[in-house]
């Protein structure tokens, strides 16, 4: 049995007249000359959507990288998170204290932070904003329109990190 080379489907081929039509009123972005015809670049043939949870994880990880950030979320969220972290097989929640709104091309991020005692809060907030904007824009291609930082608590050096209290009975 002989195999033959098949030509590209007619719907995928573009001629010079098609290009003329596009240049007279259409969008030439994403068009590429190849083998006598013009084709749409494969990356332009569909759409990518990014879930809120993806942006939340990226923003949470980026904010955690900043020196002076101790934890995220209010005291109740931290207490529940600490209990969940102790459950065998449980994973730390990197999205605690992180809320986002994601559109088609833009996103906004809200963070609730606990900072270490003694750090300059305005500097930590600025560093968090810069790191979050950089990471989210680099990884998702979305424009970050705002990063709102709320400092909800200060971690004191002698405070324990939600450690379980020792009971009288062992």
N, C-alpha and C. Protein backbone atom coordinates (compact mmCIF):
# COMPACT_ATOMS: atom_id res chain seq x y z
N UNK A 1 0.84 -1.17 0.00
CA UNK A 1 0.00 0.00 0.00
C UNK A 1 0.89 1.24 0.00
N UNK A 2 0.69 2.13 -0.92
CA UNK A 2 1.50 3.34 -1.03
C UNK A 2 0.89 4.45 -0.21
N UNK A 3 1.75 5.21 0.45
CA UNK A 3 1.25 6.35 1.21
C UNK A 3 1.51 7.61 0.41
N UNK A 4 0.59 8.53 0.48
CA UNK A 4 0.74 9.80 -0.22
C UNK A 4 0.76 10.92 0.78
N UNK A 5 1.46 11.95 0.39
CA UNK A 5 1.51 13.15 1.22
C UNK A 5 0.25 13.94 1.02
N UNK A 6 -0.45 14.26 2.09
CA UNK A 6 -1.67 15.04 1.93
C UNK A 6 -1.38 16.51 2.16
N UNK A 7 -2.05 17.33 1.43
CA UNK A 7 -1.89 18.78 1.58
C UNK A 7 -2.65 19.23 2.81
N UNK A 8 -2.30 20.41 3.30
CA UNK A 8 -3.01 20.97 4.45
C UNK A 8 -4.46 21.19 4.07
N UNK A 9 -5.37 21.04 5.02
CA UNK A 9 -6.79 21.28 4.71
C UNK A 9 -7.00 22.67 4.14
N UNK A 10 -7.96 22.77 3.26
CA UNK A 10 -8.24 24.04 2.60
C UNK A 10 -8.53 25.13 3.62
N UNK A 11 -9.20 24.79 4.72
CA UNK A 11 -9.55 25.80 5.72
C UNK A 11 -8.32 26.37 6.42
N UNK A 12 -7.19 25.62 6.40
CA UNK A 12 -5.98 26.10 7.07
C UNK A 12 -5.09 26.90 6.12
N UNK A 13 -5.38 26.86 4.80
CA UNK A 13 -4.56 27.57 3.85
C UNK A 13 -5.04 29.00 3.69
N UNK A 14 -4.10 29.90 3.50
CA UNK A 14 -4.44 31.29 3.22
C UNK A 14 -3.73 31.69 1.94
N UNK A 15 -4.39 32.45 1.15
CA UNK A 15 -3.80 32.91 -0.11
C UNK A 15 -3.45 34.37 0.03
N UNK A 16 -2.81 34.90 -0.99
CA UNK A 16 -2.46 36.31 -0.99
C UNK A 16 -3.69 37.21 -0.90
N UNK A 17 -4.80 36.78 -1.52
CA UNK A 17 -6.01 37.60 -1.47
C UNK A 17 -6.58 37.63 -0.05
N UNK A 18 -6.43 36.51 0.71
CA UNK A 18 -6.88 36.51 2.10
C UNK A 18 -6.10 37.53 2.91
N UNK A 19 -4.78 37.60 2.67
CA UNK A 19 -3.94 38.54 3.39
C UNK A 19 -4.34 39.97 3.05
N UNK A 20 -4.68 40.20 1.78
CA UNK A 20 -5.12 41.52 1.36
C UNK A 20 -6.39 41.90 2.12
N UNK A 21 -7.31 40.96 2.24
CA UNK A 21 -8.55 41.25 2.97
C UNK A 21 -8.23 41.61 4.42
N UNK A 22 -7.34 40.87 5.03
CA UNK A 22 -7.00 41.15 6.41
C UNK A 22 -6.31 42.49 6.56
N UNK A 23 -5.42 42.82 5.62
CA UNK A 23 -4.70 44.07 5.76
C UNK A 23 -5.58 45.28 5.49
N UNK A 24 -6.68 45.07 4.77
CA UNK A 24 -7.54 46.21 4.48
C UNK A 24 -8.51 46.52 5.62
N UNK A 25 -8.64 45.63 6.58
CA UNK A 25 -9.57 45.95 7.66
C UNK A 25 -9.49 44.98 8.81
N UNK A 26 -8.73 43.91 8.65
CA UNK A 26 -8.65 42.90 9.70
C UNK A 26 -7.40 43.05 10.53
N UNK A 27 -7.17 42.09 11.36
CA UNK A 27 -6.03 42.11 12.26
C UNK A 27 -4.96 41.17 11.71
N UNK A 28 -3.76 41.68 11.47
CA UNK A 28 -2.68 40.87 10.94
C UNK A 28 -1.89 40.20 12.05
N UNK A 29 -2.17 40.48 13.30
CA UNK A 29 -1.43 39.90 14.41
C UNK A 29 -1.60 38.38 14.40
N UNK A 30 -0.51 37.67 14.54
CA UNK A 30 -0.58 36.22 14.60
C UNK A 30 -0.51 35.56 13.24
N UNK A 31 -0.37 36.32 12.15
CA UNK A 31 -0.25 35.73 10.83
C UNK A 31 1.22 35.51 10.51
N UNK A 32 1.49 34.43 9.77
CA UNK A 32 2.87 34.08 9.47
C UNK A 32 2.93 33.56 8.04
N UNK A 33 3.90 34.04 7.26
CA UNK A 33 4.10 33.57 5.89
C UNK A 33 4.79 32.21 5.95
N UNK A 34 4.29 31.23 5.14
CA UNK A 34 4.94 29.92 5.11
C UNK A 34 4.52 29.21 3.83
N UNK A 35 5.49 28.79 3.06
CA UNK A 35 5.23 27.96 1.88
C UNK A 35 4.22 28.56 0.91
N UNK A 36 4.32 29.83 0.63
CA UNK A 36 3.43 30.45 -0.34
C UNK A 36 2.10 30.91 0.23
N UNK A 37 1.80 30.59 1.48
CA UNK A 37 0.54 31.01 2.09
C UNK A 37 0.79 31.67 3.43
N UNK A 38 -0.25 32.20 3.99
CA UNK A 38 -0.15 32.84 5.28
C UNK A 38 -1.02 32.05 6.26
N UNK A 39 -0.45 31.71 7.41
CA UNK A 39 -1.15 30.89 8.39
C UNK A 39 -1.21 31.62 9.72
N UNK A 40 -2.21 31.31 10.49
CA UNK A 40 -2.32 31.84 11.85
C UNK A 40 -1.38 31.04 12.74
N UNK A 41 -0.61 31.72 13.60
CA UNK A 41 0.32 31.06 14.50
C UNK A 41 -0.47 30.17 15.46
N UNK A 42 -0.01 28.93 15.70
CA UNK A 42 -0.77 28.01 16.56
C UNK A 42 -1.11 28.58 17.94
N UNK A 43 -0.25 29.37 18.53
CA UNK A 43 -0.52 29.93 19.86
C UNK A 43 -1.72 30.87 19.86
N UNK A 44 -2.10 31.36 18.70
CA UNK A 44 -3.21 32.29 18.58
C UNK A 44 -4.53 31.57 18.31
N UNK A 45 -4.52 30.24 18.25
CA UNK A 45 -5.70 29.47 17.86
C UNK A 45 -6.47 28.94 19.06
N UNK A 46 -6.69 29.73 20.01
CA UNK A 46 -7.44 29.28 21.16
C UNK A 46 -7.27 30.27 22.28
N UNK A 47 -7.72 29.87 23.43
CA UNK A 47 -7.70 30.79 24.54
C UNK A 47 -7.24 30.06 25.79
N UNK A 48 -6.53 30.75 26.63
CA UNK A 48 -6.05 30.19 27.89
C UNK A 48 -6.75 30.91 29.02
N UNK A 49 -7.33 30.15 29.93
CA UNK A 49 -7.93 30.78 31.10
C UNK A 49 -7.18 30.29 32.33
N UNK A 50 -7.01 31.16 33.30
CA UNK A 50 -6.26 30.85 34.51
C UNK A 50 -7.22 30.97 35.69
N UNK A 51 -7.30 29.90 36.46
CA UNK A 51 -8.22 29.85 37.60
C UNK A 51 -7.74 30.74 38.74
N UNK A 52 -8.68 31.22 39.53
CA UNK A 52 -8.34 32.03 40.70
C UNK A 52 -7.36 31.32 41.61
N UNK A 53 -7.55 30.01 41.81
CA UNK A 53 -6.70 29.26 42.73
C UNK A 53 -5.24 29.25 42.28
N UNK A 54 -5.01 29.28 40.98
CA UNK A 54 -3.64 29.31 40.46
C UNK A 54 -2.97 30.62 40.84
N UNK A 55 -3.67 31.72 40.61
CA UNK A 55 -3.11 33.04 40.93
C UNK A 55 -2.94 33.17 42.45
N UNK A 56 -3.88 32.62 43.23
CA UNK A 56 -3.75 32.66 44.69
C UNK A 56 -2.49 31.94 45.15
N UNK A 57 -2.21 30.78 44.59
CA UNK A 57 -1.01 30.04 44.98
C UNK A 57 0.26 30.79 44.60
N UNK A 58 0.29 31.34 43.40
CA UNK A 58 1.47 32.09 42.96
C UNK A 58 1.70 33.29 43.87
N UNK A 59 0.64 34.04 44.15
CA UNK A 59 0.75 35.23 45.00
C UNK A 59 1.16 34.84 46.42
N UNK A 60 0.57 33.77 46.95
CA UNK A 60 0.91 33.32 48.30
C UNK A 60 2.37 32.90 48.42
N UNK A 61 2.86 32.15 47.45
CA UNK A 61 4.26 31.73 47.47
C UNK A 61 5.20 32.92 47.32
N UNK A 62 4.86 33.84 46.43
CA UNK A 62 5.71 35.02 46.22
C UNK A 62 5.77 35.89 47.48
N UNK A 63 4.65 36.05 48.17
CA UNK A 63 4.63 36.87 49.38
C UNK A 63 5.41 36.20 50.51
N UNK A 64 5.36 34.88 50.59
CA UNK A 64 6.08 34.15 51.63
C UNK A 64 7.59 34.28 51.50
N UNK A 65 8.07 34.57 50.29
CA UNK A 65 9.51 34.71 50.05
C UNK A 65 10.10 35.98 50.66
N UNK A 66 9.27 36.93 51.05
CA UNK A 66 9.73 38.23 51.54
C UNK A 66 10.12 38.12 53.02
N UNK A 67 11.30 38.60 53.35
CA UNK A 67 11.76 38.63 54.74
C UNK A 67 10.86 39.54 55.56
N UNK A 68 10.46 39.07 56.73
CA UNK A 68 9.60 39.85 57.60
C UNK A 68 8.17 39.36 57.61
N UNK A 69 7.78 38.54 56.62
CA UNK A 69 6.44 37.96 56.59
C UNK A 69 6.47 36.69 57.42
N UNK A 70 5.62 36.64 58.45
CA UNK A 70 5.59 35.47 59.32
C UNK A 70 4.52 34.48 58.90
N UNK A 71 3.32 34.96 58.61
CA UNK A 71 2.20 34.07 58.29
C UNK A 71 1.14 34.88 57.55
N UNK A 72 0.03 34.21 57.22
CA UNK A 72 -1.07 34.83 56.48
C UNK A 72 -2.38 34.59 57.20
N UNK A 73 -3.33 35.47 56.99
CA UNK A 73 -4.69 35.29 57.50
C UNK A 73 -4.86 35.80 58.91
N UNK A 74 -6.14 35.94 59.31
CA UNK A 74 -6.48 36.36 60.66
C UNK A 74 -6.23 35.23 61.65
N UNK A 75 -6.45 35.49 62.92
CA UNK A 75 -6.13 34.51 63.95
C UNK A 75 -6.96 33.23 63.82
N UNK A 76 -8.23 33.35 63.48
CA UNK A 76 -9.07 32.16 63.33
C UNK A 76 -8.58 31.30 62.17
N UNK A 77 -8.29 31.93 61.06
CA UNK A 77 -7.80 31.20 59.88
C UNK A 77 -6.47 30.52 60.19
N UNK A 78 -5.59 31.20 60.92
CA UNK A 78 -4.31 30.61 61.28
C UNK A 78 -4.48 29.42 62.21
N UNK A 79 -5.41 29.54 63.18
CA UNK A 79 -5.66 28.44 64.12
C UNK A 79 -6.20 27.21 63.40
N UNK A 80 -7.17 27.43 62.52
CA UNK A 80 -7.72 26.31 61.76
C UNK A 80 -6.66 25.72 60.83
N UNK A 81 -5.86 26.57 60.24
CA UNK A 81 -4.78 26.10 59.36
C UNK A 81 -3.74 25.30 60.11
N UNK A 82 -3.42 25.72 61.32
CA UNK A 82 -2.44 24.98 62.13
C UNK A 82 -2.97 23.60 62.47
N UNK A 83 -4.25 23.50 62.78
CA UNK A 83 -4.85 22.19 63.07
C UNK A 83 -4.83 21.31 61.82
N UNK A 84 -5.15 21.88 60.67
CA UNK A 84 -5.16 21.11 59.43
C UNK A 84 -3.75 20.64 59.07
N UNK A 85 -2.74 21.48 59.36
CA UNK A 85 -1.35 21.11 59.05
C UNK A 85 -0.89 19.93 59.88
N UNK A 86 -1.46 19.75 61.07
CA UNK A 86 -1.06 18.65 61.95
C UNK A 86 -1.69 17.31 61.58
N UNK A 87 -2.73 17.34 60.78
CA UNK A 87 -3.39 16.11 60.36
C UNK A 87 -2.44 15.34 59.44
N UNK A 88 -2.24 14.04 59.70
CA UNK A 88 -1.35 13.25 58.84
C UNK A 88 -1.82 13.31 57.38
N UNK A 89 -0.88 13.57 56.52
CA UNK A 89 -1.21 13.68 55.09
C UNK A 89 -1.66 15.06 54.68
N UNK A 90 -1.83 15.97 55.66
CA UNK A 90 -2.26 17.34 55.35
C UNK A 90 -1.10 18.14 54.78
N UNK A 91 -1.44 19.08 53.93
CA UNK A 91 -0.42 19.94 53.34
C UNK A 91 -0.64 21.37 53.81
N UNK A 92 0.43 22.14 53.93
CA UNK A 92 0.26 23.55 54.29
C UNK A 92 -0.57 24.27 53.23
N UNK A 93 -1.42 25.17 53.67
CA UNK A 93 -2.29 25.91 52.76
C UNK A 93 -1.61 27.22 52.40
N UNK A 94 -1.09 27.31 51.18
CA UNK A 94 -0.39 28.52 50.75
C UNK A 94 -1.34 29.63 50.33
N UNK A 95 -2.64 29.34 50.27
CA UNK A 95 -3.59 30.36 49.85
C UNK A 95 -4.33 31.00 51.03
N UNK A 96 -4.02 30.59 52.26
CA UNK A 96 -4.67 31.19 53.43
C UNK A 96 -4.30 32.67 53.48
N UNK A 97 -5.30 33.53 53.60
CA UNK A 97 -5.06 34.97 53.66
C UNK A 97 -4.85 35.62 52.30
N UNK A 98 -5.10 34.87 51.22
CA UNK A 98 -4.91 35.40 49.86
C UNK A 98 -6.24 35.31 49.13
N UNK A 99 -6.68 36.43 48.59
CA UNK A 99 -7.89 36.49 47.76
C UNK A 99 -7.53 37.18 46.46
N UNK A 100 -8.06 36.68 45.36
CA UNK A 100 -7.79 37.30 44.06
C UNK A 100 -9.07 37.42 43.24
N UNK A 101 -9.05 38.34 42.32
CA UNK A 101 -10.07 38.44 41.28
C UNK A 101 -9.33 38.38 39.96
N UNK A 102 -9.72 37.43 39.11
CA UNK A 102 -9.03 37.24 37.84
C UNK A 102 -9.99 37.53 36.70
N UNK A 103 -9.56 38.40 35.81
CA UNK A 103 -10.31 38.68 34.59
C UNK A 103 -9.61 38.03 33.41
N UNK A 104 -9.95 38.47 32.21
CA UNK A 104 -9.32 37.90 31.02
C UNK A 104 -7.87 38.34 30.87
N UNK A 105 -7.58 39.59 31.22
CA UNK A 105 -6.23 40.12 31.04
C UNK A 105 -5.65 40.74 32.31
N UNK A 106 -6.43 40.88 33.35
CA UNK A 106 -5.97 41.56 34.56
C UNK A 106 -6.37 40.77 35.80
N UNK A 107 -5.66 41.06 36.89
CA UNK A 107 -5.99 40.45 38.17
C UNK A 107 -5.71 41.44 39.29
N UNK A 108 -6.41 41.26 40.40
CA UNK A 108 -6.20 42.05 41.61
C UNK A 108 -5.99 41.07 42.76
N UNK A 109 -5.11 41.43 43.68
CA UNK A 109 -4.75 40.53 44.77
C UNK A 109 -4.95 41.24 46.11
N UNK A 110 -5.56 40.55 47.08
CA UNK A 110 -5.70 41.04 48.45
C UNK A 110 -4.99 40.06 49.37
N UNK A 111 -4.13 40.58 50.24
CA UNK A 111 -3.35 39.74 51.16
C UNK A 111 -3.58 40.18 52.60
N UNK A 112 -3.72 39.22 53.51
CA UNK A 112 -3.75 39.48 54.94
C UNK A 112 -2.48 38.88 55.52
N UNK A 113 -1.61 39.74 56.06
CA UNK A 113 -0.30 39.30 56.52
C UNK A 113 -0.11 39.44 58.01
N UNK A 114 0.71 38.55 58.55
CA UNK A 114 1.24 38.67 59.90
C UNK A 114 2.73 38.92 59.70
N UNK A 115 3.24 40.01 60.26
CA UNK A 115 4.65 40.34 60.09
C UNK A 115 5.41 40.09 61.39
N UNK A 116 6.72 39.93 61.26
CA UNK A 116 7.60 39.76 62.41
C UNK A 116 7.72 41.08 63.16
N UNK A 117 7.81 41.01 64.47
CA UNK A 117 8.00 42.21 65.28
C UNK A 117 9.35 42.83 64.94
N UNK A 118 9.38 44.13 64.80
CA UNK A 118 10.63 44.86 64.57
C UNK A 118 10.90 45.22 63.12
N UNK A 119 10.16 44.66 62.19
CA UNK A 119 10.39 45.00 60.78
C UNK A 119 9.63 46.28 60.44
N UNK A 120 10.11 46.97 59.43
CA UNK A 120 9.41 48.17 58.94
C UNK A 120 8.25 47.69 58.07
N UNK A 121 7.04 47.87 58.59
CA UNK A 121 5.85 47.34 57.92
C UNK A 121 5.69 47.92 56.51
N UNK A 122 5.94 49.19 56.33
CA UNK A 122 5.79 49.78 54.99
C UNK A 122 6.78 49.18 54.01
N UNK A 123 8.00 48.87 54.47
CA UNK A 123 8.99 48.26 53.58
C UNK A 123 8.60 46.82 53.23
N UNK A 124 8.13 46.08 54.23
CA UNK A 124 7.69 44.70 53.98
C UNK A 124 6.53 44.72 52.99
N UNK A 125 5.57 45.62 53.19
CA UNK A 125 4.42 45.72 52.28
C UNK A 125 4.87 46.03 50.86
N UNK A 126 5.80 46.97 50.71
CA UNK A 126 6.30 47.33 49.38
C UNK A 126 7.03 46.15 48.74
N UNK A 127 7.83 45.43 49.52
CA UNK A 127 8.56 44.27 48.99
C UNK A 127 7.59 43.16 48.59
N UNK A 128 6.53 42.96 49.39
CA UNK A 128 5.52 41.95 49.06
C UNK A 128 4.83 42.32 47.76
N UNK A 129 4.43 43.58 47.63
CA UNK A 129 3.77 44.03 46.38
C UNK A 129 4.66 43.77 45.18
N UNK A 130 5.91 44.18 45.28
CA UNK A 130 6.84 44.04 44.17
C UNK A 130 7.03 42.56 43.80
N UNK A 131 7.21 41.71 44.80
CA UNK A 131 7.43 40.29 44.54
C UNK A 131 6.19 39.62 43.95
N UNK A 132 5.02 39.97 44.47
CA UNK A 132 3.77 39.37 43.99
C UNK A 132 3.51 39.81 42.54
N UNK A 133 3.63 41.10 42.27
CA UNK A 133 3.40 41.60 40.91
C UNK A 133 4.35 40.92 39.93
N UNK A 134 5.62 40.85 40.28
CA UNK A 134 6.62 40.24 39.41
C UNK A 134 6.31 38.78 39.13
N UNK A 135 6.01 38.00 40.17
CA UNK A 135 5.75 36.57 40.00
C UNK A 135 4.48 36.31 39.21
N UNK A 136 3.40 37.00 39.55
CA UNK A 136 2.12 36.76 38.88
C UNK A 136 2.20 37.16 37.41
N UNK A 137 2.77 38.33 37.13
CA UNK A 137 2.85 38.77 35.74
C UNK A 137 3.78 37.88 34.92
N UNK A 138 4.88 37.44 35.51
CA UNK A 138 5.83 36.58 34.79
C UNK A 138 5.23 35.21 34.50
N UNK A 139 4.54 34.64 35.48
CA UNK A 139 4.05 33.28 35.33
C UNK A 139 2.71 33.18 34.58
N UNK A 140 1.88 34.20 34.67
CA UNK A 140 0.55 34.10 34.06
C UNK A 140 0.36 35.01 32.85
N UNK A 141 1.15 36.06 32.74
CA UNK A 141 0.96 37.02 31.66
C UNK A 141 -0.17 38.00 31.94
N UNK A 142 -0.82 37.86 33.10
CA UNK A 142 -1.88 38.79 33.48
C UNK A 142 -1.28 40.08 34.02
N UNK A 143 -1.94 41.20 33.79
CA UNK A 143 -1.51 42.47 34.37
C UNK A 143 -2.09 42.55 35.78
N UNK A 144 -1.22 42.78 36.76
CA UNK A 144 -1.67 42.93 38.14
C UNK A 144 -2.00 44.41 38.34
N UNK A 145 -3.29 44.70 38.53
CA UNK A 145 -3.71 46.10 38.64
C UNK A 145 -3.56 46.63 40.06
N UNK A 146 -3.64 45.74 41.07
CA UNK A 146 -3.42 46.18 42.43
C UNK A 146 -3.10 45.00 43.33
N UNK A 147 -2.30 45.29 44.36
CA UNK A 147 -2.02 44.33 45.42
C UNK A 147 -2.29 45.06 46.72
N UNK A 148 -3.40 44.71 47.38
CA UNK A 148 -3.78 45.33 48.65
C UNK A 148 -3.25 44.47 49.79
N UNK A 149 -2.48 45.10 50.67
CA UNK A 149 -1.87 44.38 51.79
C UNK A 149 -2.50 44.88 53.08
N UNK A 150 -3.05 43.94 53.87
CA UNK A 150 -3.59 44.26 55.19
C UNK A 150 -2.73 43.54 56.22
N UNK A 151 -2.16 44.31 57.14
CA UNK A 151 -1.39 43.71 58.22
C UNK A 151 -2.38 43.43 59.34
N UNK A 152 -2.61 42.14 59.63
CA UNK A 152 -3.63 41.75 60.61
C UNK A 152 -3.04 41.40 61.97
N UNK A 153 -1.71 41.22 62.04
CA UNK A 153 -1.12 40.86 63.32
C UNK A 153 0.40 41.04 63.24
N UNK A 154 1.02 41.08 64.42
CA UNK A 154 2.47 41.12 64.53
C UNK A 154 2.89 39.92 65.36
N UNK A 155 3.84 39.16 64.84
CA UNK A 155 4.33 37.99 65.57
C UNK A 155 5.46 38.43 66.50
N UNK A 156 5.25 38.23 67.80
CA UNK A 156 6.26 38.61 68.79
C UNK A 156 7.28 37.48 68.94
N UNK A 157 8.53 37.82 69.26
CA UNK A 157 9.58 36.80 69.34
C UNK A 157 9.30 35.69 70.35
N UNK A 158 8.61 35.99 71.45
CA UNK A 158 8.37 34.96 72.46
C UNK A 158 7.04 34.23 72.27
N UNK A 159 6.29 34.54 71.22
CA UNK A 159 5.03 33.84 70.95
C UNK A 159 5.31 32.49 70.33
N UNK A 160 4.52 31.50 70.74
CA UNK A 160 4.62 30.19 70.11
C UNK A 160 3.72 30.20 68.89
N UNK A 161 4.09 29.41 67.89
CA UNK A 161 3.32 29.35 66.64
C UNK A 161 2.17 28.37 66.76
N UNK A 162 1.11 28.78 67.45
CA UNK A 162 -0.10 27.95 67.60
C UNK A 162 0.23 26.52 68.00
N UNK A 163 1.21 26.39 68.89
CA UNK A 163 1.60 25.05 69.35
C UNK A 163 0.50 24.47 70.23
N UNK A 164 0.32 23.17 70.18
CA UNK A 164 -0.72 22.58 71.03
C UNK A 164 -0.31 22.73 72.49
N UNK A 165 -1.28 23.11 73.31
CA UNK A 165 -0.97 23.31 74.74
C UNK A 165 -0.83 21.96 75.40
N UNK A 166 0.09 21.91 76.34
CA UNK A 166 0.32 20.67 77.09
C UNK A 166 -0.81 20.51 78.10
N UNK A 167 -1.44 19.40 78.10
CA UNK A 167 -2.49 19.11 79.07
C UNK A 167 -1.90 18.56 80.35
N UNK A 168 -2.69 18.50 81.38
CA UNK A 168 -2.20 17.94 82.65
C UNK A 168 -2.06 16.44 82.56
N UNK A 169 -2.88 15.81 81.74
CA UNK A 169 -2.87 14.36 81.63
C UNK A 169 -2.20 13.98 80.31
N UNK A 170 -1.29 13.05 80.38
CA UNK A 170 -0.58 12.60 79.18
C UNK A 170 -1.09 11.27 78.72
